[in-house]
Amino acid sequence: MKKALLFFLLFSLLLCGCSRTAETAPAPSAAPEVPNCEPETEYVSAFYFATTDREGSEWDAGCFAGKKLTVLNFFEPWCVSCVEELPDLQKLSEQFAGPDFQIFGVYLTEEGMDEVLAETGVRYPILHFVPELEFLASAYIPTTVFLDEHGELLAQLVGAQSYEALEATATELLNR
């Protein structure tokens, strides 16, 4: 049943989620910085997940602790509109870099990922998709979700977003 659901989801995404052509951006100048995701005090999250990033570092729901805003962008390397959005997400990660903000990419398909990340200049952590994150994703990619320090959903943007839309959402949620 899970395999059929995953196949249907991926097939739906392929048909509905992407349509534009990608542009290339300069290659990243440095490896991603990996923040410490160990909470300093006892931490309670709205949900639990555990995964790894592309370098093999472990991540879990404790990474939300102490961050006023966490952004998760669900994308795939074969999705043209997803790829077009990545430089704007990198710009967002640079603009809001600090103790209250973090951003992660989340993906399922490995093929083509190295090339996409190099072309788009993404330096924030890219996490492997795990089923525990599925409830945050929509039936379409890209989907970007904004979470509070406990992993509670604050906002969900479905489809490719302009930098201005991403910035406005992040600003509004950080100033709450």
C-alpha atoms as a PDB file:
ATOM      1  CA  MET A   1       0.000   0.000   0.000  1.00  0.00           C
ATOM      2  CA  LYS A   2       2.808   2.398   0.906  1.00  0.00           C
ATOM      3  CA  LYS A   3       4.619   1.642  -2.335  1.00  0.00           C
ATOM      4  CA  ALA A   4       1.458   2.316  -4.329  1.00  0.00           C
ATOM      5  CA  LEU A   5       0.906   5.596  -2.469  1.00  0.00           C
ATOM      6  CA  LEU A   6       4.519   6.652  -3.029  1.00  0.00           C
ATOM      7  CA  PHE A   7       4.288   5.748  -6.728  1.00  0.00           C
ATOM      8  CA  PHE A   8       1.042   7.715  -7.082  1.00  0.00           C
ATOM      9  CA  LEU A   9       2.556  10.705  -5.271  1.00  0.00           C
ATOM     10  CA  LEU A  10       5.682  10.723  -7.432  1.00  0.00           C
ATOM     11  CA  PHE A  11       3.628  10.224 -10.619  1.00  0.00           C
ATOM     12  CA  SER A  12       1.298  13.090  -9.634  1.00  0.00           C
ATOM     13  CA  LEU A  13       4.255  15.330  -8.930  1.00  0.00           C
ATOM     14  CA  LEU A  14       5.791  14.529 -12.262  1.00  0.00           C
ATOM     15  CA  LEU A  15       2.585  15.428 -14.078  1.00  0.00           C
ATOM     16  CA  CYS A  16       1.575  18.492 -12.066  1.00  0.00           C
ATOM     17  CA  GLY A  17       4.508  19.993 -10.233  1.00  0.00           C
ATOM     18  CA  CYS A  18       6.919  21.212 -12.858  1.00  0.00           C
ATOM     19  CA  SER A  19       6.737  23.117 -16.104  1.00  0.00           C
ATOM     20  CA  ARG A  20       9.365  25.827 -16.499  1.00  0.00           C
ATOM     21  CA  THR A  21      12.958  25.675 -17.753  1.00  0.00           C
ATOM     22  CA  ALA A  22      15.870  26.078 -15.366  1.00  0.00           C
ATOM     23  CA  GLU A  23      18.629  28.661 -15.391  1.00  0.00           C
ATOM     24  CA  THR A  24      22.030  27.996 -13.913  1.00  0.00           C
ATOM     25  CA  ALA A  25      23.653  29.858 -11.059  1.00  0.00           C
ATOM     26  CA  PRO A  26      27.253  29.966  -9.900  1.00  0.00           C
ATOM     27  CA  ALA A  27      28.576  26.918  -8.051  1.00  0.00           C
ATOM     28  CA  PRO A  28      28.634  27.125  -4.257  1.00  0.00           C
ATOM     29  CA  SER A  29      31.760  28.641  -2.784  1.00  0.00           C
ATOM     30  CA  ALA A  30      31.800  26.646   0.444  1.00  0.00           C
ATOM     31  CA  ALA A  31      30.431  23.501   2.012  1.00  0.00           C
ATOM     32  CA  PRO A  32      27.185  23.909   3.937  1.00  0.00           C
ATOM     33  CA  GLU A  33      27.414  24.937   7.545  1.00  0.00           C
ATOM     34  CA  VAL A  34      25.791  22.341   9.772  1.00  0.00           C
ATOM     35  CA  PRO A  35      24.270  23.871  12.896  1.00  0.00           C
ATOM     36  CA  ASN A  36      24.268  22.038  16.193  1.00  0.00           C
ATOM     37  CA  CYS A  37      20.877  20.375  16.523  1.00  0.00           C
ATOM     38  CA  GLU A  38      21.209  19.257  20.118  1.00  0.00           C
ATOM     39  CA  PRO A  39      18.729  21.148  22.300  1.00  0.00           C
ATOM     40  CA  GLU A  40      20.266  22.648  25.425  1.00  0.00           C
ATOM     41  CA  THR A  41      17.189  21.869  27.543  1.00  0.00           C
ATOM     42  CA  GLU A  42      14.474  19.223  27.490  1.00  0.00           C
ATOM     43  CA  TYR A  43      12.658  19.630  24.203  1.00  0.00           C
ATOM     44  CA  VAL A  44       9.156  18.602  23.123  1.00  0.00           C
ATOM     45  CA  SER A  45       8.363  18.569  19.392  1.00  0.00           C
ATOM     46  CA  ALA A  46       4.988  18.454  17.633  1.00  0.00           C
ATOM     47  CA  PHE A  47       6.260  15.406  15.728  1.00  0.00           C
ATOM     48  CA  TYR A  48       9.366  13.270  15.440  1.00  0.00           C
ATOM     49  CA  PHE A  49      11.607  12.465  12.499  1.00  0.00           C
ATOM     50  CA  ALA A  50      15.162  11.266  12.037  1.00  0.00           C
ATOM     51  CA  THR A  51      17.114  11.456   8.791  1.00  0.00           C
ATOM     52  CA  THR A  52      20.515  12.272   7.363  1.00  0.00           C
ATOM     53  CA  ASP A  53      21.759  14.966   5.052  1.00  0.00           C
ATOM     54  CA  ARG A  54      23.759  14.377   1.892  1.00  0.00           C
ATOM     55  CA  GLU A  55      27.016  14.327   3.861  1.00  0.00           C
ATOM     56  CA  GLY A  56      25.703  11.683   6.274  1.00  0.00           C
ATOM     57  CA  SER A  57      25.124  13.974   9.277  1.00  0.00           C
ATOM     58  CA  GLU A  58      22.142  12.991  11.410  1.00  0.00           C
ATOM     59  CA  TRP A  59      19.172  15.334  11.896  1.00  0.00           C
ATOM     60  CA  ASP A  60      15.999  15.008  13.943  1.00  0.00           C
ATOM     61  CA  ALA A  61      13.163  17.095  15.384  1.00  0.00           C
ATOM     62  CA  GLY A  62      15.529  18.482  18.037  1.00  0.00           C
ATOM     63  CA  CYS A  63      16.833  20.769  15.299  1.00  0.00           C
ATOM     64  CA  PHE A  64      13.727  22.946  15.688  1.00  0.00           C
ATOM     65  CA  ALA A  65      14.652  23.785  19.282  1.00  0.00           C
ATOM     66  CA  GLY A  66      15.717  27.377  19.775  1.00  0.00           C
ATOM     67  CA  LYS A  67      14.849  28.399  16.208  1.00  0.00           C
ATOM     68  CA  LYS A  68      11.928  30.781  15.877  1.00  0.00           C
ATOM     69  CA  LEU A  69      11.511  29.764  12.235  1.00  0.00           C
ATOM     70  CA  THR A  70      12.531  26.647  10.315  1.00  0.00           C
ATOM     71  CA  VAL A  71      11.873  26.388   6.584  1.00  0.00           C
ATOM     72  CA  LEU A  72      11.593  23.021   4.835  1.00  0.00           C
ATOM     73  CA  ASN A  73      11.528  23.063   1.037  1.00  0.00           C
ATOM     74  CA  PHE A  74      10.345  19.805  -0.563  1.00  0.00           C
ATOM     75  CA  PHE A  75      11.838  19.553  -4.049  1.00  0.00           C
ATOM     76  CA  GLU A  76      13.250  17.145  -6.631  1.00  0.00           C
ATOM     77  CA  PRO A  77      16.191  17.545  -9.028  1.00  0.00           C
ATOM     78  CA  TRP A  78      14.032  16.611 -12.048  1.00  0.00           C
ATOM     79  CA  CYS A  79      11.453  19.313 -11.269  1.00  0.00           C
ATOM     80  CA  VAL A  80      12.336  22.382 -13.308  1.00  0.00           C
ATOM     81  CA  SER A  81      10.305  24.869 -11.245  1.00  0.00           C
ATOM     82  CA  CYS A  82      11.816  23.395  -8.056  1.00  0.00           C
ATOM     83  CA  VAL A  83      15.322  23.971  -9.414  1.00  0.00           C
ATOM     84  CA  GLU A  84      14.480  27.535 -10.470  1.00  0.00           C
ATOM     85  CA  GLU A  85      13.367  28.321  -6.912  1.00  0.00           C
ATOM     86  CA  LEU A  86      16.561  27.062  -5.217  1.00  0.00           C
ATOM     87  CA  PRO A  87      18.709  30.211  -5.739  1.00  0.00           C
ATOM     88  CA  ASP A  88      15.967  32.305  -4.098  1.00  0.00           C
ATOM     89  CA  LEU A  89      15.890  29.916  -1.143  1.00  0.00           C
ATOM     90  CA  GLN A  90      19.683  30.186  -0.852  1.00  0.00           C
ATOM     91  CA  LYS A  91      19.351  33.980  -0.887  1.00  0.00           C
ATOM     92  CA  LEU A  92      16.680  33.705   1.835  1.00  0.00           C
ATOM     93  CA  SER A  93      18.987  31.538   3.955  1.00  0.00           C
ATOM     94  CA  GLU A  94      21.720  34.163   3.651  1.00  0.00           C
ATOM     95  CA  GLN A  95      19.442  37.143   4.357  1.00  0.00           C
ATOM     96  CA  PHE A  96      17.925  35.644   7.510  1.00  0.00           C
ATOM     97  CA  ALA A  97      21.016  33.757   8.726  1.00  0.00           C
ATOM     98  CA  GLY A  98      21.155  33.903  12.502  1.00  0.00           C
ATOM     99  CA  PRO A  99      20.086  32.194  15.694  1.00  0.00           C
ATOM    100  CA  ASP A 100      16.322  32.399  14.981  1.00  0.00           C
ATOM    101  CA  PHE A 101      16.236  31.042  11.409  1.00  0.00           C
ATOM    102  CA  GLN A 102      17.244  27.935   9.462  1.00  0.00           C
ATOM    103  CA  ILE A 103      16.367  26.349   6.146  1.00  0.00           C
ATOM    104  CA  PHE A 104      16.575  22.788   4.855  1.00  0.00           C
ATOM    105  CA  GLY A 105      15.888  21.204   1.509  1.00  0.00           C
ATOM    106  CA  VAL A 106      14.133  17.814   1.529  1.00  0.00           C
ATOM    107  CA  TYR A 107      14.320  15.402  -1.420  1.00  0.00           C
ATOM    108  CA  LEU A 108      13.678  11.798  -2.444  1.00  0.00           C
ATOM    109  CA  THR A 109      15.413  11.347  -5.827  1.00  0.00           C
ATOM    110  CA  GLU A 110      19.206  11.090  -5.775  1.00  0.00           C
ATOM    111  CA  GLU A 111      19.810  11.099  -9.535  1.00  0.00           C
ATOM    112  CA  GLY A 112      20.906  14.551 -10.738  1.00  0.00           C
ATOM    113  CA  MET A 113      21.066  16.079  -7.248  1.00  0.00           C
ATOM    114  CA  ASP A 114      24.817  16.833  -7.294  1.00  0.00           C
ATOM    115  CA  GLU A 115      24.511  18.726 -10.560  1.00  0.00           C
ATOM    116  CA  VAL A 116      21.450  20.696  -9.423  1.00  0.00           C
ATOM    117  CA  LEU A 117      23.072  21.782  -6.155  1.00  0.00           C
ATOM    118  CA  ALA A 118      26.257  22.802  -7.956  1.00  0.00           C
ATOM    119  CA  GLU A 119      24.352  24.762 -10.612  1.00  0.00           C
ATOM    120  CA  THR A 120      22.114  26.590  -8.145  1.00  0.00           C
ATOM    121  CA  GLY A 121      24.679  27.420  -5.467  1.00  0.00           C
ATOM    122  CA  VAL A 122      22.705  25.856  -2.600  1.00  0.00           C
ATOM    123  CA  ARG A 123      24.723  25.663   0.623  1.00  0.00           C
ATOM    124  CA  TYR A 124      22.046  25.018   3.265  1.00  0.00           C
ATOM    125  CA  PRO A 125      21.572  21.407   4.461  1.00  0.00           C
ATOM    126  CA  ILE A 126      19.727  19.043   2.126  1.00  0.00           C
ATOM    127  CA  LEU A 127      17.919  16.230   3.960  1.00  0.00           C
ATOM    128  CA  HIS A 128      16.810  12.838   2.702  1.00  0.00           C
ATOM    129  CA  PHE A 129      13.020  12.516   2.704  1.00  0.00           C
ATOM    130  CA  VAL A 130      11.583  10.186   5.361  1.00  0.00           C
ATOM    131  CA  PRO A 131       7.916   9.137   5.749  1.00  0.00           C
ATOM    132  CA  GLU A 132       7.615  11.077   9.024  1.00  0.00           C
ATOM    133  CA  LEU A 133       7.865  14.313   7.005  1.00  0.00           C
ATOM    134  CA  GLU A 134       5.165  13.318   4.509  1.00  0.00           C
ATOM    135  CA  PHE A 135       2.334  15.107   6.347  1.00  0.00           C
ATOM    136  CA  LEU A 136       4.117  18.439   5.791  1.00  0.00           C
ATOM    137  CA  ALA A 137       4.462  17.982   2.042  1.00  0.00           C
ATOM    138  CA  SER A 138       1.618  18.624  -0.382  1.00  0.00           C
ATOM    139  CA  ALA A 139       0.705  16.595  -3.449  1.00  0.00           C
ATOM    140  CA  TYR A 140       2.798  19.045  -5.515  1.00  0.00           C
ATOM    141  CA  ILE A 141       6.395  20.144  -5.560  1.00  0.00           C
ATOM    142  CA  PRO A 142       7.922  22.422  -4.790  1.00  0.00           C
ATOM    143  CA  THR A 143       6.243  22.907  -1.435  1.00  0.00           C
ATOM    144  CA  THR A 144       7.781  25.128   1.229  1.00  0.00           C
ATOM    145  CA  VAL A 145       6.663  24.931   4.846  1.00  0.00           C
ATOM    146  CA  PHE A 146       7.463  27.254   7.728  1.00  0.00           C
ATOM    147  CA  LEU A 147       7.628  25.714  11.218  1.00  0.00           C
ATOM    148  CA  ASP A 148       8.023  27.145  14.719  1.00  0.00           C
ATOM    149  CA  GLU A 149      10.492  26.020  17.396  1.00  0.00           C
ATOM    150  CA  HIS A 150       8.283  23.008  18.228  1.00  0.00           C
ATOM    151  CA  GLY A 151       7.733  21.884  14.645  1.00  0.00           C
ATOM    152  CA  GLU A 152       4.223  23.352  14.476  1.00  0.00           C
ATOM    153  CA  LEU A 153       3.177  24.341  10.963  1.00  0.00           C
ATOM    154  CA  LEU A 154       2.910  28.135  10.583  1.00  0.00           C
ATOM    155  CA  ALA A 155       2.566  28.428   6.801  1.00  0.00           C
ATOM    156  CA  GLN A 156       2.677  26.316   3.650  1.00  0.00           C
ATOM    157  CA  LEU A 157       3.460  27.662   0.164  1.00  0.00           C
ATOM    158  CA  VAL A 158       2.644  25.267  -2.684  1.00  0.00           C
ATOM    159  CA  GLY A 159       4.352  25.701  -6.035  1.00  0.00           C
ATOM    160  CA  ALA A 160       7.400  27.751  -6.977  1.00  0.00           C
ATOM    161  CA  GLN A 161       7.533  31.064  -5.120  1.00  0.00           C
ATOM    162  CA  SER A 162       9.212  34.347  -5.931  1.00  0.00           C
ATOM    163  CA  TYR A 163      11.934  35.589  -3.633  1.00  0.00           C
ATOM    164  CA  GLU A 164       9.590  38.401  -2.579  1.00  0.00           C
ATOM    165  CA  ALA A 165       6.891  35.917  -1.482  1.00  0.00           C
ATOM    166  CA  LEU A 166       9.396  33.831   0.470  1.00  0.00           C
ATOM    167  CA  GLU A 167      10.899  36.916   2.110  1.00  0.00           C
ATOM    168  CA  ALA A 168       7.487  38.387   3.007  1.00  0.00           C
ATOM    169  CA  THR A 169       6.367  35.109   4.617  1.00  0.00           C
ATOM    170  CA  ALA A 170       9.606  34.713   6.583  1.00  0.00           C
ATOM    171  CA  THR A 171       9.544  38.359   7.723  1.00  0.00           C
ATOM    172  CA  GLU A 172       5.919  38.148   8.843  1.00  0.00           C
ATOM    173  CA  LEU A 173       6.481  34.926  10.797  1.00  0.00           C
ATOM    174  CA  LEU A 174       9.720  36.097  12.426  1.00  0.00           C
ATOM    175  CA  ASN A 175       8.036  39.333  13.560  1.00  0.00           C
ATOM    176  CA  ARG A 176       5.077  37.592  15.242  1.00  0.00           C
END
